[in-house]
């Protein structure tokens, strides 16, 4: 499979590019980035062609693209890729508003290409094991789920709502909601109540929030999505999910697998991650689906559902009352 990458604006692009190189069924044939210095540097590092304009990359004979641009540009690039007949893996969130997300899904359907949203957390080995045990009935009927996704402030365009669609709540809510939905196939968030604020940084966007919501199957959930970790914190952040069932409790901590490193070079103590490479598993699943002509495991529709919860959280915070999600 010939794969091209559109933009290295998002930090995950670097990991995805390496994952393509490690996949035996894929080849990275081009990188498009309007930031010339960044694009040329990445193309040189990954020994591939550089395109200043992503539209020129789409004119080549590539099979698929991976979009890692600013969130507000996802729709523009994904729709162009779909019309060019290219399959799409798009960084999360799918878009910054419902209209753009639906337009992306429609464009993919009308042009016969697949649209996958990059939610690597569900590909982590620990998450997959818990998923299997939930499906087996080991924990009984799920009653409640608690989640956290607390990281460091990424800065740059992430804190500009015009480019990102929000702040920490937009950035982190979608990851955990996707895992929760994945744990409970068919269940959708029905109502959201949220407090959203800026407490840790002097930035234009929110950096913290607290969400409580209810699924249409009666499961209640809570979520702490924030940029509350300091620059000196030993790890980037966390992603935890606690599932409370009638027969037991399951706890998932995707960054628990690490070793403590005391470095003389940086004069800092860090926790270096050694565990499951969920980014590689994400890319491998995308390539495998295209090669075998099977549905991608994370559809555009699923990306839309996760984004709806983040958008409802902002609405709830503004209205100071619960918000229903009307799909």
C-alpha atoms as a PDB file:
ATOM      1  CA  UNK A   1       0.000   0.000   0.000  1.00  0.00           C
ATOM      2  CA  UNK A   2       1.363   3.399  -0.999  1.00  0.00           C
ATOM      3  CA  UNK A   3       0.740   5.873   1.801  1.00  0.00           C
ATOM      4  CA  UNK A   4       1.214   9.639   1.931  1.00  0.00           C
ATOM      5  CA  UNK A   5       1.171  11.900   4.969  1.00  0.00           C
ATOM      6  CA  UNK A   6      -0.541  15.268   5.031  1.00  0.00           C
ATOM      7  CA  UNK A   7       0.963  17.686   7.584  1.00  0.00           C
ATOM      8  CA  UNK A   8       3.206  17.143  10.569  1.00  0.00           C
ATOM      9  CA  UNK A   9       1.406  19.796  12.621  1.00  0.00           C
ATOM     10  CA  UNK A  10       0.280  17.132  15.105  1.00  0.00           C
ATOM     11  CA  UNK A  11       2.991  15.419  17.165  1.00  0.00           C
ATOM     12  CA  UNK A  12       1.494  11.971  16.479  1.00  0.00           C
ATOM     13  CA  UNK A  13       2.542  12.265  12.824  1.00  0.00           C
ATOM     14  CA  UNK A  14       6.126  11.386  13.699  1.00  0.00           C
ATOM     15  CA  UNK A  15       5.091   8.140  15.389  1.00  0.00           C
ATOM     16  CA  UNK A  16       2.715   7.223  12.561  1.00  0.00           C
ATOM     17  CA  UNK A  17       5.443   7.765   9.956  1.00  0.00           C
ATOM     18  CA  UNK A  18       7.754   5.386  11.793  1.00  0.00           C
ATOM     19  CA  UNK A  19       4.902   2.879  12.068  1.00  0.00           C
ATOM     20  CA  UNK A  20       4.435   2.948   8.289  1.00  0.00           C
ATOM     21  CA  UNK A  21       8.117   2.171   7.803  1.00  0.00           C
ATOM     22  CA  UNK A  22       7.813  -0.818  10.127  1.00  0.00           C
ATOM     23  CA  UNK A  23       4.763  -2.193   8.321  1.00  0.00           C
ATOM     24  CA  UNK A  24       5.749  -4.784   5.699  1.00  0.00           C
ATOM     25  CA  UNK A  25       2.693  -4.055   3.566  1.00  0.00           C
ATOM     26  CA  UNK A  26       3.100  -0.274   3.328  1.00  0.00           C
ATOM     27  CA  UNK A  27       5.508   2.283   1.955  1.00  0.00           C
ATOM     28  CA  UNK A  28       5.678   5.998   2.757  1.00  0.00           C
ATOM     29  CA  UNK A  29       5.833   7.639  -0.663  1.00  0.00           C
ATOM     30  CA  UNK A  30       5.387  11.283   0.192  1.00  0.00           C
ATOM     31  CA  UNK A  31       4.929  13.960   2.850  1.00  0.00           C
ATOM     32  CA  UNK A  32       2.918  17.121   2.223  1.00  0.00           C
ATOM     33  CA  UNK A  33       3.335  20.071   4.569  1.00  0.00           C
ATOM     34  CA  UNK A  34       2.799  23.740   3.865  1.00  0.00           C
ATOM     35  CA  UNK A  35       5.449  24.587   6.475  1.00  0.00           C
ATOM     36  CA  UNK A  36       8.430  24.188   4.156  1.00  0.00           C
ATOM     37  CA  UNK A  37      11.177  23.749   6.737  1.00  0.00           C
ATOM     38  CA  UNK A  38       9.203  21.165   8.692  1.00  0.00           C
ATOM     39  CA  UNK A  39       8.077  19.302   5.597  1.00  0.00           C
ATOM     40  CA  UNK A  40      11.535  19.125   4.057  1.00  0.00           C
ATOM     41  CA  UNK A  41      13.065  18.018   7.338  1.00  0.00           C
ATOM     42  CA  UNK A  42      10.543  15.187   7.743  1.00  0.00           C
ATOM     43  CA  UNK A  43      10.824  14.116   4.102  1.00  0.00           C
ATOM     44  CA  UNK A  44      14.587  13.986   4.463  1.00  0.00           C
ATOM     45  CA  UNK A  45      14.431  12.026   7.710  1.00  0.00           C
ATOM     46  CA  UNK A  46      11.994   9.480   6.298  1.00  0.00           C
ATOM     47  CA  UNK A  47      13.703   9.454   2.890  1.00  0.00           C
ATOM     48  CA  UNK A  48      10.628  10.257   0.860  1.00  0.00           C
ATOM     49  CA  UNK A  49       9.304  12.974  -1.461  1.00  0.00           C
ATOM     50  CA  UNK A  50       8.223  16.386  -0.183  1.00  0.00           C
ATOM     51  CA  UNK A  51       5.132  18.239  -1.440  1.00  0.00           C
ATOM     52  CA  UNK A  52       4.500  21.868  -0.372  1.00  0.00           C
ATOM     53  CA  UNK A  53       0.837  21.472  -1.400  1.00  0.00           C
ATOM     54  CA  UNK A  54      -1.118  18.400  -0.285  1.00  0.00           C
ATOM     55  CA  UNK A  55      -3.216  18.578  -3.454  1.00  0.00           C
ATOM     56  CA  UNK A  56      -0.145  17.626  -5.481  1.00  0.00           C
ATOM     57  CA  UNK A  57       0.368  14.577  -3.276  1.00  0.00           C
ATOM     58  CA  UNK A  58      -3.250  13.571  -3.893  1.00  0.00           C
ATOM     59  CA  UNK A  59      -2.602  13.623  -7.661  1.00  0.00           C
ATOM     60  CA  UNK A  60      -0.112  10.761  -7.345  1.00  0.00           C
ATOM     61  CA  UNK A  61      -0.958   7.042  -7.369  1.00  0.00           C
ATOM     62  CA  UNK A  62      -0.986   6.663  -3.573  1.00  0.00           C
ATOM     63  CA  UNK A  63      -3.628   4.409  -2.013  1.00  0.00           C
ATOM     64  CA  UNK A  64      -4.155   6.275   1.247  1.00  0.00           C
ATOM     65  CA  UNK A  65      -3.281   9.334   3.294  1.00  0.00           C
ATOM     66  CA  UNK A  66      -2.773  10.002   6.978  1.00  0.00           C
ATOM     67  CA  UNK A  67      -3.925  13.479   7.990  1.00  0.00           C
ATOM     68  CA  UNK A  68      -2.182  15.077  10.986  1.00  0.00           C
ATOM     69  CA  UNK A  69      -2.989  18.736  10.416  1.00  0.00           C
ATOM     70  CA  UNK A  70      -4.597  21.256  12.738  1.00  0.00           C
ATOM     71  CA  UNK A  71      -8.077  20.014  13.697  1.00  0.00           C
ATOM     72  CA  UNK A  72      -9.890  22.780  11.828  1.00  0.00           C
ATOM     73  CA  UNK A  73      -8.346  21.610   8.532  1.00  0.00           C
ATOM     74  CA  UNK A  74      -9.296  17.934   8.806  1.00  0.00           C
ATOM     75  CA  UNK A  75     -12.507  18.320   6.818  1.00  0.00           C
ATOM     76  CA  UNK A  76     -10.917  20.263   3.960  1.00  0.00           C
ATOM     77  CA  UNK A  77      -8.121  17.743   3.522  1.00  0.00           C
ATOM     78  CA  UNK A  78     -10.194  14.603   4.089  1.00  0.00           C
ATOM     79  CA  UNK A  79     -12.867  15.639   1.602  1.00  0.00           C
ATOM     80  CA  UNK A  80     -10.192  16.440  -0.994  1.00  0.00           C
ATOM     81  CA  UNK A  81      -8.588  13.046  -0.378  1.00  0.00           C
ATOM     82  CA  UNK A  82     -11.918  11.248  -0.710  1.00  0.00           C
ATOM     83  CA  UNK A  83     -12.663  12.981  -3.998  1.00  0.00           C
ATOM     84  CA  UNK A  84      -9.209  11.906  -5.216  1.00  0.00           C
ATOM     85  CA  UNK A  85     -10.104   8.301  -4.379  1.00  0.00           C
ATOM     86  CA  UNK A  86      -7.682   7.938  -1.463  1.00  0.00           C
ATOM     87  CA  UNK A  87      -8.449   6.078   1.757  1.00  0.00           C
ATOM     88  CA  UNK A  88      -8.072   8.213   4.878  1.00  0.00           C
ATOM     89  CA  UNK A  89      -6.726   7.859   8.391  1.00  0.00           C
ATOM     90  CA  UNK A  90      -7.464  11.143  10.168  1.00  0.00           C
ATOM     91  CA  UNK A  91      -6.048  12.271  13.497  1.00  0.00           C
ATOM     92  CA  UNK A  92      -8.612  12.851  16.218  1.00  0.00           C
ATOM     93  CA  UNK A  93     -10.900  14.677  16.777  1.00  0.00           C
ATOM     94  CA  UNK A  94     -12.556  13.988  13.443  1.00  0.00           C
ATOM     95  CA  UNK A  95     -13.317  17.711  13.045  1.00  0.00           C
ATOM     96  CA  UNK A  96     -14.219  20.787  15.087  1.00  0.00           C
ATOM     97  CA  UNK A  97     -17.951  20.775  14.390  1.00  0.00           C
ATOM     98  CA  UNK A  98     -20.696  18.317  13.496  1.00  0.00           C
ATOM     99  CA  UNK A  99     -21.281  19.694  10.003  1.00  0.00           C
ATOM    100  CA  UNK A 100     -17.675  19.154   8.935  1.00  0.00           C
ATOM    101  CA  UNK A 101     -17.606  15.670  10.430  1.00  0.00           C
ATOM    102  CA  UNK A 102     -20.744  14.639   8.577  1.00  0.00           C
ATOM    103  CA  UNK A 103     -19.366  16.106   5.342  1.00  0.00           C
ATOM    104  CA  UNK A 104     -16.207  13.995   5.740  1.00  0.00           C
ATOM    105  CA  UNK A 105     -18.231  10.830   6.313  1.00  0.00           C
ATOM    106  CA  UNK A 106     -20.468  11.578   3.335  1.00  0.00           C
ATOM    107  CA  UNK A 107     -17.507  12.321   1.037  1.00  0.00           C
ATOM    108  CA  UNK A 108     -15.879   8.998   1.914  1.00  0.00           C
ATOM    109  CA  UNK A 109     -19.103   7.082   1.290  1.00  0.00           C
ATOM    110  CA  UNK A 110     -19.849   8.826  -2.010  1.00  0.00           C
ATOM    111  CA  UNK A 111     -16.343   8.178  -3.340  1.00  0.00           C
ATOM    112  CA  UNK A 112     -16.036   4.580  -2.156  1.00  0.00           C
ATOM    113  CA  UNK A 113     -13.093   5.097   0.199  1.00  0.00           C
ATOM    114  CA  UNK A 114     -12.613   4.243   3.851  1.00  0.00           C
ATOM    115  CA  UNK A 115     -12.375   6.880   6.587  1.00  0.00           C
ATOM    116  CA  UNK A 116     -10.722   5.843   9.848  1.00  0.00           C
ATOM    117  CA  UNK A 117     -10.194   8.037  12.911  1.00  0.00           C
ATOM    118  CA  UNK A 118      -6.961   7.733  14.887  1.00  0.00           C
ATOM    119  CA  UNK A 119      -7.926   6.462  18.330  1.00  0.00           C
ATOM    120  CA  UNK A 120      -4.841   4.427  19.292  1.00  0.00           C
ATOM    121  CA  UNK A 121      -5.904   3.831  22.902  1.00  0.00           C
ATOM    122  CA  UNK A 122      -8.248   1.002  21.970  1.00  0.00           C
ATOM    123  CA  UNK A 123      -5.311  -0.751  20.271  1.00  0.00           C
ATOM    124  CA  UNK A 124      -3.233  -0.903  23.458  1.00  0.00           C
ATOM    125  CA  UNK A 125      -2.694  -4.511  24.580  1.00  0.00           C
ATOM    126  CA  UNK A 126      -3.990  -3.801  28.095  1.00  0.00           C
ATOM    127  CA  UNK A 127      -7.153  -2.137  26.779  1.00  0.00           C
ATOM    128  CA  UNK A 128      -7.732  -5.037  24.416  1.00  0.00           C
ATOM    129  CA  UNK A 129      -7.375  -7.574  27.223  1.00  0.00           C
ATOM    130  CA  UNK A 130      -9.898  -5.718  29.391  1.00  0.00           C
ATOM    131  CA  UNK A 131     -12.239  -5.471  26.403  1.00  0.00           C
ATOM    132  CA  UNK A 132     -12.099  -9.250  25.952  1.00  0.00           C
ATOM    133  CA  UNK A 133     -12.794  -9.837  29.644  1.00  0.00           C
ATOM    134  CA  UNK A 134     -15.720  -7.409  29.624  1.00  0.00           C
ATOM    135  CA  UNK A 135     -17.162  -9.135  26.549  1.00  0.00           C
ATOM    136  CA  UNK A 136     -16.810 -12.515  28.251  1.00  0.00           C
ATOM    137  CA  UNK A 137     -19.035 -11.334  31.085  1.00  0.00           C
ATOM    138  CA  UNK A 138     -16.282 -11.571  33.717  1.00  0.00           C
ATOM    139  CA  UNK A 139     -17.270  -8.229  35.277  1.00  0.00           C
ATOM    140  CA  UNK A 140     -21.011  -8.744  34.907  1.00  0.00           C
ATOM    141  CA  UNK A 141     -23.256  -5.880  33.881  1.00  0.00           C
ATOM    142  CA  UNK A 142     -21.452  -2.537  33.627  1.00  0.00           C
ATOM    143  CA  UNK A 143     -22.893   0.032  36.031  1.00  0.00           C
ATOM    144  CA  UNK A 144     -20.446   2.937  35.832  1.00  0.00           C
ATOM    145  CA  UNK A 145     -17.202   4.057  34.192  1.00  0.00           C
ATOM    146  CA  UNK A 146     -14.686   6.608  35.437  1.00  0.00           C
ATOM    147  CA  UNK A 147     -11.984   8.024  33.183  1.00  0.00           C
ATOM    148  CA  UNK A 148      -9.045  10.431  33.234  1.00  0.00           C
ATOM    149  CA  UNK A 149      -6.836  11.881  30.534  1.00  0.00           C
ATOM    150  CA  UNK A 150      -4.512  14.388  32.180  1.00  0.00           C
ATOM    151  CA  UNK A 151      -1.483  15.628  30.289  1.00  0.00           C
ATOM    152  CA  UNK A 152       0.882  18.524  29.754  1.00  0.00           C
ATOM    153  CA  UNK A 153      -0.107  21.627  27.815  1.00  0.00           C
ATOM    154  CA  UNK A 154       0.988  20.995  24.185  1.00  0.00           C
ATOM    155  CA  UNK A 155       0.983  24.721  23.330  1.00  0.00           C
ATOM    156  CA  UNK A 156       1.028  26.016  19.755  1.00  0.00           C
ATOM    157  CA  UNK A 157      -2.135  25.689  17.708  1.00  0.00           C
ATOM    158  CA  UNK A 158      -3.635  23.309  20.288  1.00  0.00           C
ATOM    159  CA  UNK A 159      -4.469  26.275  22.538  1.00  0.00           C
ATOM    160  CA  UNK A 160      -6.029  28.289  19.699  1.00  0.00           C
ATOM    161  CA  UNK A 161      -9.755  27.405  19.594  1.00  0.00           C
ATOM    162  CA  UNK A 162      -9.988  28.592  15.981  1.00  0.00           C
ATOM    163  CA  UNK A 163      -7.563  25.861  14.928  1.00  0.00           C
ATOM    164  CA  UNK A 164      -8.224  23.178  17.536  1.00  0.00           C
ATOM    165  CA  UNK A 165     -11.950  23.577  18.159  1.00  0.00           C
ATOM    166  CA  UNK A 166     -11.389  23.920  21.897  1.00  0.00           C
ATOM    167  CA  UNK A 167      -8.787  23.180  24.518  1.00  0.00           C
ATOM    168  CA  UNK A 168      -8.072  20.271  26.831  1.00  0.00           C
ATOM    169  CA  UNK A 169     -11.694  19.131  26.851  1.00  0.00           C
ATOM    170  CA  UNK A 170     -11.741  18.787  23.066  1.00  0.00           C
ATOM    171  CA  UNK A 171      -8.251  17.298  22.976  1.00  0.00           C
ATOM    172  CA  UNK A 172      -8.733  14.622  25.629  1.00  0.00           C
ATOM    173  CA  UNK A 173     -12.444  13.857  25.894  1.00  0.00           C
ATOM    174  CA  UNK A 174     -12.640  12.087  22.535  1.00  0.00           C
ATOM    175  CA  UNK A 175      -9.951   9.529  23.434  1.00  0.00           C
ATOM    176  CA  UNK A 176     -11.651   8.308  26.598  1.00  0.00           C
ATOM    177  CA  UNK A 177     -15.184   8.436  25.238  1.00  0.00           C
ATOM    178  CA  UNK A 178     -14.068   6.268  22.330  1.00  0.00           C
ATOM    179  CA  UNK A 179     -12.699   3.651  24.749  1.00  0.00           C
ATOM    180  CA  UNK A 180     -15.908   3.749  26.792  1.00  0.00           C
ATOM    181  CA  UNK A 181     -18.079   3.299  23.697  1.00  0.00           C
ATOM    182  CA  UNK A 182     -15.811   0.488  22.512  1.00  0.00           C
ATOM    183  CA  UNK A 183     -16.240  -1.287  25.850  1.00  0.00           C
ATOM    184  CA  UNK A 184     -20.034  -1.119  25.389  1.00  0.00           C
ATOM    185  CA  UNK A 185     -20.921  -1.745  21.708  1.00  0.00           C
ATOM    186  CA  UNK A 186     -24.158  -0.042  20.719  1.00  0.00           C
ATOM    187  CA  UNK A 187     -24.323   2.250  23.745  1.00  0.00           C
ATOM    188  CA  UNK A 188     -24.319   5.997  23.075  1.00  0.00           C
ATOM    189  CA  UNK A 189     -23.941   8.992  25.368  1.00  0.00           C
ATOM    190  CA  UNK A 190     -27.381  10.461  25.963  1.00  0.00           C
ATOM    191  CA  UNK A 191     -26.754  13.466  28.225  1.00  0.00           C
ATOM    192  CA  UNK A 192     -23.734  15.483  29.360  1.00  0.00           C
ATOM    193  CA  UNK A 193     -23.111  17.854  32.247  1.00  0.00           C
ATOM    194  CA  UNK A 194     -19.737  19.567  32.418  1.00  0.00           C
ATOM    195  CA  UNK A 195     -17.675  22.212  34.159  1.00  0.00           C
ATOM    196  CA  UNK A 196     -15.013  23.641  31.837  1.00  0.00           C
ATOM    197  CA  UNK A 197     -12.422  26.192  32.929  1.00  0.00           C
ATOM    198  CA  UNK A 198      -8.889  27.572  32.674  1.00  0.00           C
ATOM    199  CA  UNK A 199      -6.934  27.059  35.894  1.00  0.00           C
ATOM    200  CA  UNK A 200      -3.353  26.070  35.048  1.00  0.00           C
ATOM    201  CA  UNK A 201      -2.161  28.219  32.129  1.00  0.00           C
ATOM    202  CA  UNK A 202      -2.564  31.700  30.679  1.00  0.00           C
ATOM    203  CA  UNK A 203      -3.907  30.550  27.299  1.00  0.00           C
ATOM    204  CA  UNK A 204      -6.885  31.394  25.056  1.00  0.00           C
ATOM    205  CA  UNK A 205      -8.536  27.998  25.587  1.00  0.00           C
ATOM    206  CA  UNK A 206      -9.695  25.785  28.442  1.00  0.00           C
ATOM    207  CA  UNK A 207      -7.131  23.606  30.173  1.00  0.00           C
ATOM    208  CA  UNK A 208      -9.350  21.565  32.472  1.00  0.00           C
ATOM    209  CA  UNK A 209     -12.833  20.218  32.889  1.00  0.00           C
ATOM    210  CA  UNK A 210     -14.989  17.683  34.685  1.00  0.00           C
ATOM    211  CA  UNK A 211     -17.616  15.774  32.732  1.00  0.00           C
ATOM    212  CA  UNK A 212     -20.417  13.563  33.983  1.00  0.00           C
ATOM    213  CA  UNK A 213     -22.601  11.838  31.456  1.00  0.00           C
ATOM    214  CA  UNK A 214     -25.077   9.023  31.020  1.00  0.00           C
ATOM    215  CA  UNK A 215     -25.264   6.401  28.304  1.00  0.00           C
ATOM    216  CA  UNK A 216     -28.564   5.316  26.824  1.00  0.00           C
ATOM    217  CA  UNK A 217     -28.089   1.897  28.441  1.00  0.00           C
ATOM    218  CA  UNK A 218     -28.181   3.515  31.905  1.00  0.00           C
ATOM    219  CA  UNK A 219     -24.412   3.472  32.560  1.00  0.00           C
ATOM    220  CA  UNK A 220     -23.172   6.633  34.278  1.00  0.00           C
ATOM    221  CA  UNK A 221     -19.681   7.962  33.606  1.00  0.00           C
ATOM    222  CA  UNK A 222     -17.277  10.661  34.711  1.00  0.00           C
ATOM    223  CA  UNK A 223     -14.194  12.072  33.020  1.00  0.00           C
ATOM    224  CA  UNK A 224     -11.341  14.400  33.945  1.00  0.00           C
ATOM    225  CA  UNK A 225      -9.737  15.707  30.711  1.00  0.00           C
ATOM    226  CA  UNK A 226      -7.074  18.295  31.444  1.00  0.00           C
ATOM    227  CA  UNK A 227      -3.685  19.802  30.709  1.00  0.00           C
ATOM    228  CA  UNK A 228      -2.865  19.795  34.407  1.00  0.00           C
ATOM    229  CA  UNK A 229       0.556  18.127  34.309  1.00  0.00           C
ATOM    230  CA  UNK A 230       3.608  20.379  34.750  1.00  0.00           C
ATOM    231  CA  UNK A 231       6.534  20.409  32.338  1.00  0.00           C
ATOM    232  CA  UNK A 232       8.643  18.684  34.988  1.00  0.00           C
ATOM    233  CA  UNK A 233       6.192  15.822  35.454  1.00  0.00           C
ATOM    234  CA  UNK A 234       7.969  12.440  34.994  1.00  0.00           C
ATOM    235  CA  UNK A 235       5.522  11.290  32.294  1.00  0.00           C
ATOM    236  CA  UNK A 236       3.549  13.178  29.650  1.00  0.00           C
ATOM    237  CA  UNK A 237       0.280  12.330  31.357  1.00  0.00           C
ATOM    238  CA  UNK A 238      -2.171   9.499  31.780  1.00  0.00           C
ATOM    239  CA  UNK A 239      -5.165   7.728  30.358  1.00  0.00           C
ATOM    240  CA  UNK A 240      -7.070   5.627  32.860  1.00  0.00           C
ATOM    241  CA  UNK A 241     -10.456   3.944  32.724  1.00  0.00           C
ATOM    242  CA  UNK A 242     -12.183   2.224  35.641  1.00  0.00           C
ATOM    243  CA  UNK A 243     -15.126  -0.020  34.792  1.00  0.00           C
ATOM    244  CA  UNK A 244     -17.486  -0.856  37.655  1.00  0.00           C
ATOM    245  CA  UNK A 245     -19.549  -4.000  37.076  1.00  0.00           C
ATOM    246  CA  UNK A 246     -21.915  -6.154  39.093  1.00  0.00           C
ATOM    247  CA  UNK A 247     -19.254  -8.901  39.372  1.00  0.00           C
ATOM    248  CA  UNK A 248     -16.082  -6.880  39.649  1.00  0.00           C
ATOM    249  CA  UNK A 249     -14.045  -3.797  38.809  1.00  0.00           C
ATOM    250  CA  UNK A 250     -11.536  -3.399  35.988  1.00  0.00           C
ATOM    251  CA  UNK A 251      -8.881  -0.672  35.976  1.00  0.00           C
ATOM    252  CA  UNK A 252      -6.942   0.304  32.861  1.00  0.00           C
ATOM    253  CA  UNK A 253      -3.833   2.514  33.028  1.00  0.00           C
ATOM    254  CA  UNK A 254      -2.272   2.777  29.588  1.00  0.00           C
ATOM    255  CA  UNK A 255       0.930   4.508  30.754  1.00  0.00           C
ATOM    256  CA  UNK A 256       1.652   2.241  33.726  1.00  0.00           C
ATOM    257  CA  UNK A 257       4.276   0.220  31.874  1.00  0.00           C
ATOM    258  CA  UNK A 258       7.396   2.297  32.420  1.00  0.00           C
ATOM    259  CA  UNK A 259      10.807   2.381  34.083  1.00  0.00           C
ATOM    260  CA  UNK A 260      12.256   5.198  36.178  1.00  0.00           C
ATOM    261  CA  UNK A 261      15.205   6.959  34.548  1.00  0.00           C
ATOM    262  CA  UNK A 262      17.551   9.315  36.421  1.00  0.00           C
ATOM    263  CA  UNK A 263      19.453  11.182  33.706  1.00  0.00           C
ATOM    264  CA  UNK A 264      22.679  13.098  34.256  1.00  0.00           C
ATOM    265  CA  UNK A 265      22.265  14.674  30.808  1.00  0.00           C
ATOM    266  CA  UNK A 266      18.897  16.265  31.510  1.00  0.00           C
ATOM    267  CA  UNK A 267      19.215  16.394  35.319  1.00  0.00           C
ATOM    268  CA  UNK A 268      15.665  15.093  35.437  1.00  0.00           C
ATOM    269  CA  UNK A 269      13.886  11.959  36.561  1.00  0.00           C
ATOM    270  CA  UNK A 270      11.440  10.564  34.022  1.00  0.00           C
ATOM    271  CA  UNK A 271       9.292   7.475  33.629  1.00  0.00           C
ATOM    272  CA  UNK A 272      10.236   5.953  30.276  1.00  0.00           C
ATOM    273  CA  UNK A 273       7.452   3.982  28.628  1.00  0.00           C
ATOM    274  CA  UNK A 274       8.269   0.450  27.462  1.00  0.00           C
ATOM    275  CA  UNK A 275       4.826  -1.080  26.927  1.00  0.00           C
ATOM    276  CA  UNK A 276       2.459  -1.823  24.072  1.00  0.00           C
ATOM    277  CA  UNK A 277       2.967   0.280  20.925  1.00  0.00           C
ATOM    278  CA  UNK A 278      -0.623   1.313  20.274  1.00  0.00           C
ATOM    279  CA  UNK A 279       0.357   3.679  17.445  1.00  0.00           C
ATOM    280  CA  UNK A 280       1.937   0.796  15.549  1.00  0.00           C
ATOM    281  CA  UNK A 281      -1.141  -1.358  16.135  1.00  0.00           C
ATOM    282  CA  UNK A 282      -3.337   1.485  14.889  1.00  0.00           C
ATOM    283  CA  UNK A 283      -1.383   1.858  11.645  1.00  0.00           C
ATOM    284  CA  UNK A 284      -1.170  -1.902  11.141  1.00  0.00           C
ATOM    285  CA  UNK A 285      -4.941  -2.245  11.506  1.00  0.00           C
ATOM    286  CA  UNK A 286      -5.542   0.541   8.978  1.00  0.00           C
ATOM    287  CA  UNK A 287      -3.196  -0.991   6.402  1.00  0.00           C
ATOM    288  CA  UNK A 288      -4.602  -4.476   6.980  1.00  0.00           C
ATOM    289  CA  UNK A 289      -8.175  -3.267   6.426  1.00  0.00           C
ATOM    290  CA  UNK A 290      -7.218  -1.640   3.125  1.00  0.00           C
ATOM    291  CA  UNK A 291      -5.219  -4.639   1.958  1.00  0.00           C
ATOM    292  CA  UNK A 292      -7.969  -7.136   2.820  1.00  0.00           C
ATOM    293  CA  UNK A 293     -10.787  -4.794   1.778  1.00  0.00           C
ATOM    294  CA  UNK A 294     -12.488  -5.076   5.169  1.00  0.00           C
ATOM    295  CA  UNK A 295     -14.094  -2.255   7.193  1.00  0.00           C
ATOM    296  CA  UNK A 296     -11.703  -0.126   9.229  1.00  0.00           C
ATOM    297  CA  UNK A 297     -12.023  -0.711  12.999  1.00  0.00           C
ATOM    298  CA  UNK A 298     -12.696   2.945  13.903  1.00  0.00           C
ATOM    299  CA  UNK A 299     -15.117   4.592  11.495  1.00  0.00           C
ATOM    300  CA  UNK A 300     -15.850   8.233  10.843  1.00  0.00           C
ATOM    301  CA  UNK A 301     -19.210   7.739  12.528  1.00  0.00           C
ATOM    302  CA  UNK A 302     -17.434   6.658  15.706  1.00  0.00           C
ATOM    303  CA  UNK A 303     -15.242   9.731  15.499  1.00  0.00           C
ATOM    304  CA  UNK A 304     -18.366  11.863  15.228  1.00  0.00           C
ATOM    305  CA  UNK A 305     -19.931  10.235  18.315  1.00  0.00           C
ATOM    306  CA  UNK A 306     -16.853  10.943  20.431  1.00  0.00           C
ATOM    307  CA  UNK A 307     -16.636  14.552  19.233  1.00  0.00           C
ATOM    308  CA  UNK A 308     -20.322  15.125  20.017  1.00  0.00           C
ATOM    309  CA  UNK A 309     -19.618  14.520  23.700  1.00  0.00           C
ATOM    310  CA  UNK A 310     -16.842  17.137  23.770  1.00  0.00           C
ATOM    311  CA  UNK A 311     -19.038  19.680  22.010  1.00  0.00           C
ATOM    312  CA  UNK A 312     -21.915  18.937  24.395  1.00  0.00           C
ATOM    313  CA  UNK A 313     -19.533  19.490  27.324  1.00  0.00           C
ATOM    314  CA  UNK A 314     -18.758  23.009  26.114  1.00  0.00           C
ATOM    315  CA  UNK A 315     -22.454  23.735  25.623  1.00  0.00           C
ATOM    316  CA  UNK A 316     -23.264  22.418  29.091  1.00  0.00           C
ATOM    317  CA  UNK A 317     -20.575  24.546  30.697  1.00  0.00           C
ATOM    318  CA  UNK A 318     -21.905  27.663  28.983  1.00  0.00           C
ATOM    319  CA  UNK A 319     -25.533  26.935  29.863  1.00  0.00           C
ATOM    320  CA  UNK A 320     -24.769  25.617  33.369  1.00  0.00           C
ATOM    321  CA  UNK A 321     -27.124  22.709  32.775  1.00  0.00           C
ATOM    322  CA  UNK A 322     -27.143  19.210  31.287  1.00  0.00           C
ATOM    323  CA  UNK A 323     -27.204  18.955  27.486  1.00  0.00           C
ATOM    324  CA  UNK A 324     -28.898  16.181  25.528  1.00  0.00           C
ATOM    325  CA  UNK A 325     -27.078  14.738  22.539  1.00  0.00           C
ATOM    326  CA  UNK A 326     -29.468  14.574  19.610  1.00  0.00           C
ATOM    327  CA  UNK A 327     -27.918  12.452  16.857  1.00  0.00           C
END
